[in-house]
Amino acid sequence: MTRTVHTPVGDARITWHAAAGARAVLALGHGAGGGVETDDLQALAAALPARGITVALVEQPWRVAGKRVAPAPRTLDTAWRALWPALAKPGLPVLAGGRSAGARVACRTASELGARAVLALSFPLHPPPANAGRCPHGRPEKSRAGELTGAGVPVLVVQGGSDPFGRPEEFRELPADAELIEVPGVGHGLSAPEPPVIRRIGDWLTARLAR
């Protein structure tokens, strides 16, 4: 089921993957380089309803309008805040998340919107290297770690082992209620997580709901 939601910056779109007897909603936003059709988002939308988690794949207004370039972070946050009430189901907690830029949006707004936790896929800890030969670990001086540490809720980061936007070993400033799952051998695209990774994600989300 797909629903269009009006926001101050244009129409957003939510595609629902419903769980029978759902006990929570997981809202997942996409990155700046693609939409909700990415393999990782689709894999979670297919797998998590069996765990009692309804997945809502959220398309930002710029993507719905057919634009190729994402707007400024504050515009992404404005749309996310405006569509949040449409994600709420009576009596169900909402978990926030997304991949890349979508993960940043979820972290920046989680506390104020009352999200139970955040699932951050391929979190862009810093911009990728301009010259991989000289700086294989990107540009750490432009760190976005503050968005993770300031989320105010538990965070699970799922990161490719060779992600140029932030390798797992670079995530040294995670707060005590944050965890990281490394997916070896993949980059920022992450691809469809293997069943063991999806199982760990489901276990983590379920544990957050039990608290």
N, C-alpha and C. Protein backbone atom coordinates (compact mmCIF):
# COMPACT_ATOMS: atom_id res chain seq x y z
N MET A 1 0.85 -1.19 0.00
CA MET A 1 0.00 0.00 0.00
C MET A 1 0.88 1.24 0.00
N THR A 2 0.53 2.20 -0.82
CA THR A 2 1.30 3.44 -0.93
C THR A 2 0.42 4.63 -0.58
N ARG A 3 0.99 5.56 0.15
CA ARG A 3 0.25 6.76 0.57
C ARG A 3 1.08 7.99 0.29
N THR A 4 0.45 9.00 -0.26
CA THR A 4 1.09 10.29 -0.48
C THR A 4 0.82 11.19 0.72
N VAL A 5 1.87 11.86 1.20
CA VAL A 5 1.75 12.73 2.37
C VAL A 5 2.23 14.12 1.98
N HIS A 6 1.42 15.12 2.24
CA HIS A 6 1.80 16.50 1.93
C HIS A 6 2.72 17.04 3.02
N THR A 7 3.79 17.70 2.60
CA THR A 7 4.71 18.36 3.54
C THR A 7 4.96 19.78 3.06
N PRO A 8 5.53 20.65 3.89
CA PRO A 8 5.80 22.02 3.45
C PRO A 8 6.77 22.13 2.28
N VAL A 9 7.50 21.06 1.98
CA VAL A 9 8.49 21.11 0.90
C VAL A 9 8.12 20.18 -0.26
N GLY A 10 6.86 19.79 -0.31
CA GLY A 10 6.40 18.93 -1.41
C GLY A 10 5.82 17.63 -0.89
N ASP A 11 5.29 16.85 -1.81
CA ASP A 11 4.66 15.58 -1.44
C ASP A 11 5.69 14.49 -1.23
N ALA A 12 5.56 13.78 -0.11
CA ALA A 12 6.36 12.60 0.16
C ALA A 12 5.50 11.37 -0.12
N ARG A 13 6.13 10.21 -0.14
CA ARG A 13 5.39 8.98 -0.41
C ARG A 13 5.85 7.89 0.54
N ILE A 14 4.88 7.18 1.10
CA ILE A 14 5.17 6.08 2.02
C ILE A 14 4.63 4.79 1.43
N THR A 15 5.49 3.80 1.30
CA THR A 15 5.08 2.46 0.85
C THR A 15 5.13 1.53 2.04
N TRP A 16 3.99 0.93 2.35
CA TRP A 16 3.86 0.10 3.55
C TRP A 16 4.08 -1.37 3.23
N HIS A 17 4.83 -2.02 4.10
CA HIS A 17 5.01 -3.47 4.08
C HIS A 17 4.52 -3.96 5.44
N ALA A 18 3.27 -4.33 5.49
CA ALA A 18 2.59 -4.55 6.77
C ALA A 18 2.90 -5.91 7.37
N ALA A 19 2.98 -5.93 8.69
CA ALA A 19 3.14 -7.16 9.46
C ALA A 19 1.81 -7.53 10.08
N ALA A 20 1.45 -8.78 10.03
CA ALA A 20 0.25 -9.25 10.71
C ALA A 20 0.50 -9.19 12.21
N GLY A 21 -0.42 -8.58 12.93
CA GLY A 21 -0.22 -8.43 14.37
C GLY A 21 0.99 -7.59 14.71
N ALA A 22 1.20 -6.52 13.97
CA ALA A 22 2.39 -5.68 14.13
C ALA A 22 2.51 -5.15 15.56
N ARG A 23 3.76 -5.06 16.02
CA ARG A 23 4.01 -4.47 17.33
C ARG A 23 4.85 -3.20 17.23
N ALA A 24 5.25 -2.83 16.02
CA ALA A 24 6.01 -1.60 15.83
C ALA A 24 6.03 -1.25 14.35
N VAL A 25 6.40 0.00 14.07
CA VAL A 25 6.60 0.48 12.70
C VAL A 25 8.06 0.92 12.58
N LEU A 26 8.72 0.48 11.53
CA LEU A 26 10.08 0.94 11.22
C LEU A 26 10.00 1.79 9.97
N ALA A 27 10.29 3.09 10.11
CA ALA A 27 10.29 4.03 8.98
C ALA A 27 11.70 4.15 8.44
N LEU A 28 11.88 3.84 7.16
CA LEU A 28 13.20 3.86 6.54
C LEU A 28 13.24 4.87 5.40
N GLY A 29 14.15 5.81 5.49
CA GLY A 29 14.36 6.77 4.41
C GLY A 29 15.52 6.36 3.53
N HIS A 30 15.54 6.87 2.32
CA HIS A 30 16.58 6.52 1.35
C HIS A 30 17.74 7.50 1.39
N GLY A 31 18.75 7.22 0.60
CA GLY A 31 19.92 8.07 0.54
C GLY A 31 19.80 9.17 -0.51
N ALA A 32 20.89 9.91 -0.69
CA ALA A 32 20.90 11.01 -1.65
C ALA A 32 21.13 10.53 -3.07
N GLY A 33 21.59 9.29 -3.24
CA GLY A 33 21.90 8.80 -4.57
C GLY A 33 20.90 7.81 -5.13
N GLY A 34 19.79 7.60 -4.45
CA GLY A 34 18.81 6.63 -4.92
C GLY A 34 17.57 6.69 -4.08
N GLY A 35 16.60 5.83 -4.42
CA GLY A 35 15.34 5.82 -3.71
C GLY A 35 15.18 4.59 -2.85
N VAL A 36 13.93 4.23 -2.61
CA VAL A 36 13.64 3.10 -1.73
C VAL A 36 13.80 1.75 -2.42
N GLU A 37 14.24 1.76 -3.67
CA GLU A 37 14.42 0.51 -4.40
C GLU A 37 15.77 -0.16 -4.12
N THR A 38 16.61 0.44 -3.30
CA THR A 38 17.92 -0.15 -3.03
C THR A 38 17.77 -1.52 -2.35
N ASP A 39 18.76 -2.37 -2.61
CA ASP A 39 18.66 -3.77 -2.15
C ASP A 39 18.52 -3.90 -0.64
N ASP A 40 19.23 -3.07 0.10
CA ASP A 40 19.18 -3.20 1.55
C ASP A 40 17.81 -2.85 2.11
N LEU A 41 17.22 -1.75 1.63
CA LEU A 41 15.89 -1.35 2.09
C LEU A 41 14.85 -2.38 1.70
N GLN A 42 14.94 -2.89 0.47
CA GLN A 42 13.97 -3.87 0.02
C GLN A 42 14.10 -5.18 0.80
N ALA A 43 15.33 -5.56 1.13
CA ALA A 43 15.53 -6.80 1.89
C ALA A 43 14.92 -6.69 3.28
N LEU A 44 15.08 -5.55 3.93
CA LEU A 44 14.49 -5.37 5.25
C LEU A 44 12.97 -5.32 5.17
N ALA A 45 12.45 -4.66 4.13
CA ALA A 45 11.00 -4.59 3.97
C ALA A 45 10.39 -5.96 3.74
N ALA A 46 11.15 -6.86 3.13
CA ALA A 46 10.67 -8.21 2.88
C ALA A 46 10.78 -9.10 4.11
N ALA A 47 11.80 -8.87 4.95
CA ALA A 47 12.09 -9.79 6.04
C ALA A 47 11.46 -9.41 7.38
N LEU A 48 11.43 -8.12 7.70
CA LEU A 48 11.05 -7.73 9.06
C LEU A 48 9.57 -7.90 9.40
N PRO A 49 8.64 -7.81 8.45
CA PRO A 49 7.24 -8.07 8.83
C PRO A 49 7.03 -9.42 9.49
N ALA A 50 7.83 -10.41 9.14
CA ALA A 50 7.72 -11.72 9.79
C ALA A 50 8.12 -11.65 11.26
N ARG A 51 8.84 -10.59 11.64
CA ARG A 51 9.22 -10.39 13.05
C ARG A 51 8.22 -9.50 13.77
N GLY A 52 7.11 -9.18 13.12
CA GLY A 52 6.10 -8.33 13.74
C GLY A 52 6.37 -6.85 13.59
N ILE A 53 7.24 -6.48 12.67
CA ILE A 53 7.59 -5.07 12.45
C ILE A 53 7.12 -4.64 11.07
N THR A 54 6.16 -3.73 11.03
CA THR A 54 5.72 -3.15 9.77
C THR A 54 6.79 -2.18 9.28
N VAL A 55 7.16 -2.30 8.02
CA VAL A 55 8.19 -1.42 7.44
C VAL A 55 7.52 -0.39 6.53
N ALA A 56 7.86 0.87 6.77
CA ALA A 56 7.36 1.97 5.95
C ALA A 56 8.55 2.57 5.19
N LEU A 57 8.59 2.38 3.88
CA LEU A 57 9.67 2.96 3.07
C LEU A 57 9.25 4.35 2.64
N VAL A 58 10.05 5.34 3.02
CA VAL A 58 9.68 6.74 2.85
C VAL A 58 10.49 7.37 1.73
N GLU A 59 9.79 7.93 0.76
CA GLU A 59 10.44 8.68 -0.32
C GLU A 59 10.30 10.17 -0.06
N GLN A 60 11.42 10.83 0.00
CA GLN A 60 11.45 12.26 0.24
C GLN A 60 10.83 13.02 -0.95
N PRO A 61 10.28 14.23 -0.70
CA PRO A 61 9.63 14.99 -1.77
C PRO A 61 10.50 15.22 -3.01
N TRP A 62 11.80 15.45 -2.83
CA TRP A 62 12.64 15.71 -3.99
C TRP A 62 12.68 14.50 -4.91
N ARG A 63 12.64 13.33 -4.33
CA ARG A 63 12.66 12.10 -5.11
C ARG A 63 11.31 11.85 -5.79
N VAL A 64 10.23 12.10 -5.06
CA VAL A 64 8.89 11.96 -5.63
C VAL A 64 8.70 12.90 -6.82
N ALA A 65 9.29 14.09 -6.72
CA ALA A 65 9.16 15.09 -7.78
C ALA A 65 10.06 14.79 -8.98
N GLY A 66 10.88 13.76 -8.90
CA GLY A 66 11.73 13.38 -10.01
C GLY A 66 13.03 14.15 -10.11
N LYS A 67 13.42 14.84 -9.06
CA LYS A 67 14.68 15.58 -9.07
C LYS A 67 15.85 14.63 -8.84
N ARG A 68 17.01 15.02 -9.32
CA ARG A 68 18.18 14.16 -9.22
C ARG A 68 19.12 14.54 -8.09
N VAL A 69 18.97 15.72 -7.57
CA VAL A 69 19.88 16.19 -6.52
C VAL A 69 19.08 16.44 -5.25
N ALA A 70 19.56 15.87 -4.15
CA ALA A 70 18.88 16.04 -2.86
C ALA A 70 19.05 17.47 -2.36
N PRO A 71 18.07 18.00 -1.64
CA PRO A 71 18.18 19.35 -1.08
C PRO A 71 19.04 19.36 0.18
N ALA A 72 19.10 20.52 0.81
CA ALA A 72 19.90 20.69 2.03
C ALA A 72 19.33 19.84 3.16
N PRO A 73 20.18 19.45 4.12
CA PRO A 73 19.71 18.64 5.24
C PRO A 73 18.50 19.21 5.96
N ARG A 74 18.44 20.52 6.14
CA ARG A 74 17.31 21.10 6.86
C ARG A 74 16.00 20.88 6.11
N THR A 75 16.06 20.83 4.77
CA THR A 75 14.85 20.56 3.98
C THR A 75 14.43 19.10 4.13
N LEU A 76 15.41 18.20 4.15
CA LEU A 76 15.10 16.78 4.38
C LEU A 76 14.46 16.59 5.75
N ASP A 77 15.00 17.29 6.75
CA ASP A 77 14.46 17.17 8.10
C ASP A 77 13.04 17.73 8.18
N THR A 78 12.78 18.83 7.47
CA THR A 78 11.44 19.42 7.47
C THR A 78 10.41 18.44 6.93
N ALA A 79 10.74 17.77 5.84
CA ALA A 79 9.82 16.79 5.27
C ALA A 79 9.61 15.63 6.22
N TRP A 80 10.68 15.14 6.82
CA TRP A 80 10.60 13.98 7.73
C TRP A 80 9.71 14.30 8.94
N ARG A 81 9.89 15.50 9.49
CA ARG A 81 9.06 15.90 10.63
C ARG A 81 7.58 15.96 10.23
N ALA A 82 7.32 16.49 9.04
CA ALA A 82 5.94 16.68 8.61
C ALA A 82 5.23 15.36 8.33
N LEU A 83 5.96 14.36 7.84
CA LEU A 83 5.32 13.09 7.51
C LEU A 83 5.28 12.13 8.69
N TRP A 84 5.99 12.46 9.76
CA TRP A 84 6.08 11.55 10.90
C TRP A 84 4.70 11.14 11.45
N PRO A 85 3.74 12.08 11.62
CA PRO A 85 2.44 11.66 12.14
C PRO A 85 1.76 10.59 11.29
N ALA A 86 2.05 10.56 10.00
CA ALA A 86 1.44 9.56 9.12
C ALA A 86 2.01 8.17 9.36
N LEU A 87 3.16 8.09 10.06
CA LEU A 87 3.79 6.81 10.34
C LEU A 87 3.24 6.15 11.59
N ALA A 88 2.59 6.94 12.42
CA ALA A 88 2.11 6.44 13.70
C ALA A 88 0.86 5.59 13.50
N LYS A 89 0.87 4.42 14.10
CA LYS A 89 -0.30 3.55 14.15
C LYS A 89 -0.75 3.50 15.61
N PRO A 90 -2.04 3.43 15.86
CA PRO A 90 -2.51 3.45 17.26
C PRO A 90 -1.82 2.40 18.13
N GLY A 91 -1.19 2.87 19.19
CA GLY A 91 -0.59 1.97 20.15
C GLY A 91 0.74 1.36 19.75
N LEU A 92 1.29 1.73 18.58
CA LEU A 92 2.54 1.13 18.11
C LEU A 92 3.69 2.13 18.19
N PRO A 93 4.82 1.72 18.77
CA PRO A 93 6.00 2.58 18.74
C PRO A 93 6.57 2.67 17.33
N VAL A 94 7.26 3.76 17.05
CA VAL A 94 7.88 3.95 15.73
C VAL A 94 9.39 3.98 15.89
N LEU A 95 10.06 3.16 15.10
CA LEU A 95 11.51 3.15 15.01
C LEU A 95 11.89 3.92 13.76
N ALA A 96 12.92 4.76 13.84
CA ALA A 96 13.35 5.55 12.69
C ALA A 96 14.59 4.92 12.07
N GLY A 97 14.81 5.19 10.80
CA GLY A 97 16.01 4.67 10.17
C GLY A 97 16.13 5.09 8.73
N GLY A 98 17.15 4.56 8.09
CA GLY A 98 17.38 4.87 6.69
C GLY A 98 18.80 4.52 6.31
N ARG A 99 19.09 4.72 5.04
CA ARG A 99 20.44 4.49 4.57
C ARG A 99 21.09 5.82 4.21
N SER A 100 22.35 5.95 4.53
CA SER A 100 23.16 7.11 4.18
C SER A 100 22.51 8.42 4.64
N ALA A 101 22.13 9.31 3.70
CA ALA A 101 21.51 10.57 4.09
C ALA A 101 20.24 10.35 4.89
N GLY A 102 19.51 9.28 4.58
CA GLY A 102 18.31 8.96 5.33
C GLY A 102 18.61 8.59 6.77
N ALA A 103 19.75 7.95 7.01
CA ALA A 103 20.17 7.64 8.37
C ALA A 103 20.50 8.91 9.14
N ARG A 104 21.11 9.87 8.45
CA ARG A 104 21.42 11.15 9.11
C ARG A 104 20.14 11.87 9.53
N VAL A 105 19.16 11.89 8.65
CA VAL A 105 17.88 12.52 8.98
C VAL A 105 17.27 11.86 10.22
N ALA A 106 17.28 10.52 10.24
CA ALA A 106 16.69 9.80 11.36
C ALA A 106 17.40 10.13 12.67
N CYS A 107 18.73 10.22 12.63
CA CYS A 107 19.49 10.55 13.84
C CYS A 107 19.21 11.97 14.31
N ARG A 108 19.16 12.91 13.38
CA ARG A 108 18.98 14.31 13.76
C ARG A 108 17.62 14.59 14.39
N THR A 109 16.62 13.80 14.04
CA THR A 109 15.25 14.10 14.47
C THR A 109 14.69 13.08 15.46
N ALA A 110 15.42 12.03 15.76
CA ALA A 110 14.87 10.91 16.54
C ALA A 110 14.34 11.33 17.90
N SER A 111 15.12 12.08 18.63
CA SER A 111 14.73 12.42 19.99
C SER A 111 13.49 13.31 20.02
N GLU A 112 13.48 14.34 19.18
CA GLU A 112 12.35 15.27 19.21
C GLU A 112 11.05 14.63 18.73
N LEU A 113 11.15 13.64 17.84
CA LEU A 113 9.96 13.00 17.31
C LEU A 113 9.50 11.81 18.14
N GLY A 114 10.30 11.41 19.10
CA GLY A 114 9.91 10.30 19.95
C GLY A 114 10.16 8.93 19.37
N ALA A 115 11.12 8.81 18.47
CA ALA A 115 11.46 7.50 17.92
C ALA A 115 12.01 6.60 19.02
N ARG A 116 11.67 5.31 18.96
CA ARG A 116 12.14 4.38 19.98
C ARG A 116 13.64 4.09 19.81
N ALA A 117 14.10 4.06 18.57
CA ALA A 117 15.51 3.77 18.28
C ALA A 117 15.77 4.15 16.83
N VAL A 118 17.03 4.07 16.41
CA VAL A 118 17.42 4.40 15.04
C VAL A 118 18.22 3.25 14.44
N LEU A 119 17.87 2.88 13.21
CA LEU A 119 18.64 1.93 12.41
C LEU A 119 19.35 2.72 11.32
N ALA A 120 20.68 2.79 11.41
CA ALA A 120 21.47 3.59 10.47
C ALA A 120 22.25 2.67 9.53
N LEU A 121 21.82 2.62 8.29
CA LEU A 121 22.47 1.79 7.27
C LEU A 121 23.47 2.64 6.49
N SER A 122 24.71 2.19 6.39
CA SER A 122 25.74 2.93 5.64
C SER A 122 25.80 4.39 6.07
N PHE A 123 25.97 4.61 7.35
CA PHE A 123 26.02 5.99 7.85
C PHE A 123 27.24 6.71 7.28
N PRO A 124 27.04 7.87 6.62
CA PRO A 124 28.17 8.59 6.03
C PRO A 124 28.91 9.41 7.08
N LEU A 125 29.83 8.77 7.75
CA LEU A 125 30.54 9.41 8.86
C LEU A 125 31.28 10.66 8.42
N HIS A 126 31.74 10.66 7.18
CA HIS A 126 32.44 11.81 6.61
C HIS A 126 32.35 11.70 5.10
N PRO A 127 32.67 12.77 4.36
CA PRO A 127 32.69 12.67 2.90
C PRO A 127 33.73 11.65 2.45
N PRO A 128 33.55 11.06 1.27
CA PRO A 128 34.52 10.09 0.78
C PRO A 128 35.81 10.79 0.37
N PRO A 129 36.90 10.05 0.21
CA PRO A 129 38.17 10.68 -0.15
C PRO A 129 38.14 11.27 -1.55
N ALA A 130 38.74 12.47 -1.67
CA ALA A 130 38.88 13.06 -2.99
C ALA A 130 39.99 12.38 -3.76
N ASN A 131 40.96 11.86 -3.02
CA ASN A 131 42.09 11.15 -3.62
C ASN A 131 42.32 9.89 -2.78
N ALA A 132 41.80 8.78 -3.23
CA ALA A 132 41.87 7.55 -2.45
C ALA A 132 43.30 7.11 -2.18
N GLY A 133 44.24 7.44 -3.09
CA GLY A 133 45.62 7.05 -2.88
C GLY A 133 46.25 7.76 -1.70
N ARG A 134 45.93 9.04 -1.55
CA ARG A 134 46.53 9.82 -0.46
C ARG A 134 45.73 9.72 0.84
N CYS A 135 44.42 9.56 0.72
CA CYS A 135 43.56 9.60 1.90
C CYS A 135 42.51 8.50 1.81
N PRO A 136 42.90 7.25 2.02
CA PRO A 136 41.97 6.14 1.83
C PRO A 136 40.81 6.11 2.81
N HIS A 137 40.92 6.85 3.91
CA HIS A 137 39.86 6.83 4.91
C HIS A 137 38.98 8.07 4.84
N GLY A 138 38.93 8.74 3.71
CA GLY A 138 38.03 9.88 3.57
C GLY A 138 38.55 11.12 4.24
N ARG A 139 37.63 11.98 4.66
CA ARG A 139 37.99 13.26 5.26
C ARG A 139 37.45 13.34 6.68
N PRO A 140 38.16 12.73 7.64
CA PRO A 140 37.67 12.68 9.01
C PRO A 140 37.51 14.04 9.66
N GLU A 141 38.17 15.08 9.10
CA GLU A 141 38.02 16.41 9.68
C GLU A 141 36.61 16.96 9.48
N LYS A 142 35.85 16.34 8.59
CA LYS A 142 34.46 16.73 8.35
C LYS A 142 33.50 15.69 8.95
N SER A 143 33.85 15.21 10.13
CA SER A 143 33.10 14.14 10.77
C SER A 143 31.66 14.53 11.08
N ARG A 144 30.75 13.56 10.89
CA ARG A 144 29.34 13.73 11.25
C ARG A 144 28.99 12.88 12.47
N ALA A 145 30.02 12.51 13.22
CA ALA A 145 29.81 11.66 14.39
C ALA A 145 28.84 12.28 15.38
N GLY A 146 28.78 13.61 15.42
CA GLY A 146 27.89 14.29 16.35
C GLY A 146 26.43 13.95 16.13
N GLU A 147 26.09 13.63 14.89
CA GLU A 147 24.69 13.26 14.62
C GLU A 147 24.36 11.92 15.25
N LEU A 148 25.32 11.02 15.27
CA LEU A 148 25.11 9.73 15.92
C LEU A 148 25.10 9.88 17.44
N THR A 149 26.10 10.57 17.97
CA THR A 149 26.18 10.70 19.42
C THR A 149 25.06 11.56 19.99
N GLY A 150 24.48 12.42 19.14
CA GLY A 150 23.41 13.30 19.61
C GLY A 150 22.01 12.79 19.32
N ALA A 151 21.89 11.55 18.84
CA ALA A 151 20.57 11.03 18.48
C ALA A 151 19.64 10.97 19.69
N GLY A 152 20.18 10.69 20.86
CA GLY A 152 19.36 10.68 22.06
C GLY A 152 18.57 9.40 22.27
N VAL A 153 18.72 8.43 21.38
CA VAL A 153 18.05 7.14 21.47
C VAL A 153 19.06 6.06 21.07
N PRO A 154 18.79 4.79 21.37
CA PRO A 154 19.70 3.74 20.91
C PRO A 154 19.83 3.73 19.38
N VAL A 155 21.04 3.48 18.92
CA VAL A 155 21.34 3.47 17.49
C VAL A 155 22.05 2.19 17.11
N LEU A 156 21.62 1.58 16.01
CA LEU A 156 22.35 0.45 15.42
C LEU A 156 22.89 0.88 14.08
N VAL A 157 24.21 0.84 13.92
CA VAL A 157 24.86 1.18 12.65
C VAL A 157 25.20 -0.12 11.93
N VAL A 158 24.82 -0.22 10.67
CA VAL A 158 25.17 -1.36 9.83
C VAL A 158 26.06 -0.82 8.72
N GLN A 159 27.35 -1.19 8.75
CA GLN A 159 28.34 -0.52 7.91
C GLN A 159 29.16 -1.52 7.10
N GLY A 160 29.33 -1.22 5.81
CA GLY A 160 30.20 -2.03 4.98
C GLY A 160 31.65 -1.92 5.41
N GLY A 161 32.38 -3.02 5.34
CA GLY A 161 33.75 -3.05 5.81
C GLY A 161 34.68 -2.14 5.03
N SER A 162 34.34 -1.82 3.79
CA SER A 162 35.20 -0.95 2.98
C SER A 162 34.46 0.32 2.54
N ASP A 163 33.51 0.76 3.35
CA ASP A 163 32.74 1.96 3.01
C ASP A 163 33.65 3.19 3.03
N PRO A 164 33.81 3.89 1.90
CA PRO A 164 34.69 5.07 1.88
C PRO A 164 34.12 6.25 2.66
N PHE A 165 32.84 6.19 3.01
CA PHE A 165 32.24 7.25 3.82
C PHE A 165 32.45 7.01 5.32
N GLY A 166 33.12 5.93 5.65
CA GLY A 166 33.38 5.60 7.05
C GLY A 166 33.50 4.10 7.24
N ARG A 167 34.72 3.64 7.45
CA ARG A 167 34.92 2.21 7.71
C ARG A 167 34.54 1.92 9.16
N PRO A 168 34.15 0.69 9.46
CA PRO A 168 33.71 0.37 10.82
C PRO A 168 34.70 0.78 11.91
N GLU A 169 36.00 0.65 11.64
CA GLU A 169 36.99 0.98 12.67
C GLU A 169 37.06 2.47 12.97
N GLU A 170 36.44 3.29 12.13
CA GLU A 170 36.44 4.73 12.35
C GLU A 170 35.36 5.18 13.34
N PHE A 171 34.43 4.29 13.65
CA PHE A 171 33.32 4.65 14.54
C PHE A 171 33.76 4.46 16.00
N ARG A 172 34.59 5.38 16.46
CA ARG A 172 35.15 5.26 17.80
C ARG A 172 34.37 6.05 18.84
N GLU A 173 33.46 6.90 18.41
CA GLU A 173 32.79 7.80 19.34
C GLU A 173 31.34 7.42 19.60
N LEU A 174 30.98 6.17 19.36
CA LEU A 174 29.60 5.76 19.56
C LEU A 174 29.26 5.77 21.05
N PRO A 175 28.07 6.24 21.39
CA PRO A 175 27.67 6.23 22.80
C PRO A 175 27.41 4.82 23.30
N ALA A 176 27.20 4.70 24.59
CA ALA A 176 27.06 3.38 25.21
C ALA A 176 25.85 2.61 24.69
N ASP A 177 24.80 3.31 24.30
CA ASP A 177 23.59 2.63 23.84
C ASP A 177 23.57 2.44 22.32
N ALA A 178 24.74 2.54 21.68
CA ALA A 178 24.83 2.33 20.23
C ALA A 178 25.65 1.07 19.95
N GLU A 179 25.33 0.41 18.85
CA GLU A 179 26.04 -0.79 18.44
C GLU A 179 26.36 -0.70 16.94
N LEU A 180 27.32 -1.48 16.50
CA LEU A 180 27.71 -1.49 15.09
C LEU A 180 27.83 -2.92 14.59
N ILE A 181 27.25 -3.17 13.43
CA ILE A 181 27.39 -4.45 12.74
C ILE A 181 28.22 -4.19 11.48
N GLU A 182 29.35 -4.88 11.37
CA GLU A 182 30.17 -4.76 10.16
C GLU A 182 29.75 -5.80 9.14
N VAL A 183 29.61 -5.35 7.89
CA VAL A 183 29.33 -6.27 6.78
C VAL A 183 30.60 -6.34 5.94
N PRO A 184 31.42 -7.37 6.10
CA PRO A 184 32.72 -7.43 5.44
C PRO A 184 32.61 -7.44 3.91
N GLY A 185 33.60 -6.81 3.29
CA GLY A 185 33.75 -6.91 1.85
C GLY A 185 32.82 -6.08 1.00
N VAL A 186 32.06 -5.18 1.60
CA VAL A 186 31.17 -4.33 0.80
C VAL A 186 31.42 -2.87 1.12
N GLY A 187 31.00 -2.01 0.20
CA GLY A 187 31.21 -0.58 0.36
C GLY A 187 29.95 0.14 0.78
N HIS A 188 29.80 1.37 0.30
CA HIS A 188 28.68 2.20 0.73
C HIS A 188 27.34 1.67 0.23
N GLY A 189 27.36 0.97 -0.91
CA GLY A 189 26.12 0.43 -1.45
C GLY A 189 25.49 -0.62 -0.57
N LEU A 190 26.29 -1.29 0.23
CA LEU A 190 25.88 -2.28 1.21
C LEU A 190 25.25 -3.52 0.59
N SER A 191 24.42 -3.37 -0.43
CA SER A 191 23.71 -4.46 -1.10
C SER A 191 22.72 -5.11 -0.13
N ALA A 192 22.14 -6.21 -0.53
CA ALA A 192 21.16 -6.89 0.33
C ALA A 192 21.89 -7.63 1.44
N PRO A 193 21.61 -7.29 2.70
CA PRO A 193 22.31 -7.99 3.80
C PRO A 193 22.03 -9.48 3.77
N GLU A 194 23.02 -10.26 4.13
CA GLU A 194 22.84 -11.70 4.22
C GLU A 194 21.89 -12.03 5.38
N PRO A 195 21.25 -13.22 5.32
CA PRO A 195 20.30 -13.59 6.39
C PRO A 195 20.83 -13.43 7.80
N PRO A 196 22.10 -13.79 8.10
CA PRO A 196 22.58 -13.58 9.48
C PRO A 196 22.56 -12.12 9.91
N VAL A 197 22.87 -11.21 8.95
CA VAL A 197 22.86 -9.79 9.28
C VAL A 197 21.42 -9.32 9.51
N ILE A 198 20.51 -9.73 8.65
CA ILE A 198 19.10 -9.36 8.83
C ILE A 198 18.58 -9.89 10.17
N ARG A 199 19.00 -11.10 10.52
CA ARG A 199 18.57 -11.68 11.79
C ARG A 199 19.09 -10.85 12.96
N ARG A 200 20.35 -10.40 12.88
CA ARG A 200 20.90 -9.56 13.96
C ARG A 200 20.18 -8.22 14.05
N ILE A 201 19.84 -7.65 12.89
CA ILE A 201 19.07 -6.40 12.89
C ILE A 201 17.72 -6.62 13.55
N GLY A 202 17.03 -7.69 13.15
CA GLY A 202 15.73 -7.99 13.74
C GLY A 202 15.82 -8.22 15.24
N ASP A 203 16.86 -8.93 15.68
CA ASP A 203 17.04 -9.18 17.10
C ASP A 203 17.25 -7.87 17.87
N TRP A 204 18.06 -6.99 17.29
CA TRP A 204 18.34 -5.72 17.95
C TRP A 204 17.08 -4.87 18.06
N LEU A 205 16.33 -4.78 16.98
CA LEU A 205 15.09 -3.99 17.01
C LEU A 205 14.10 -4.59 18.02
N THR A 206 13.99 -5.90 18.02
CA THR A 206 13.08 -6.56 18.95
C THR A 206 13.47 -6.30 20.39
N ALA A 207 14.77 -6.29 20.67
CA ALA A 207 15.25 -6.02 22.03
C ALA A 207 14.93 -4.58 22.45
N ARG A 208 15.02 -3.64 21.51
CA ARG A 208 14.69 -2.27 21.84
C ARG A 208 13.20 -2.13 22.17
N LEU A 209 12.37 -2.89 21.50
CA LEU A 209 10.93 -2.83 21.74
C LEU A 209 10.56 -3.44 23.09
N ALA A 210 11.37 -4.36 23.56
CA ALA A 210 11.08 -5.04 24.82
C ALA A 210 11.42 -4.18 26.03
N ARG A 211 12.16 -3.09 25.82
CA ARG A 211 12.58 -2.27 26.95
C ARG A 211 11.52 -1.22 27.28
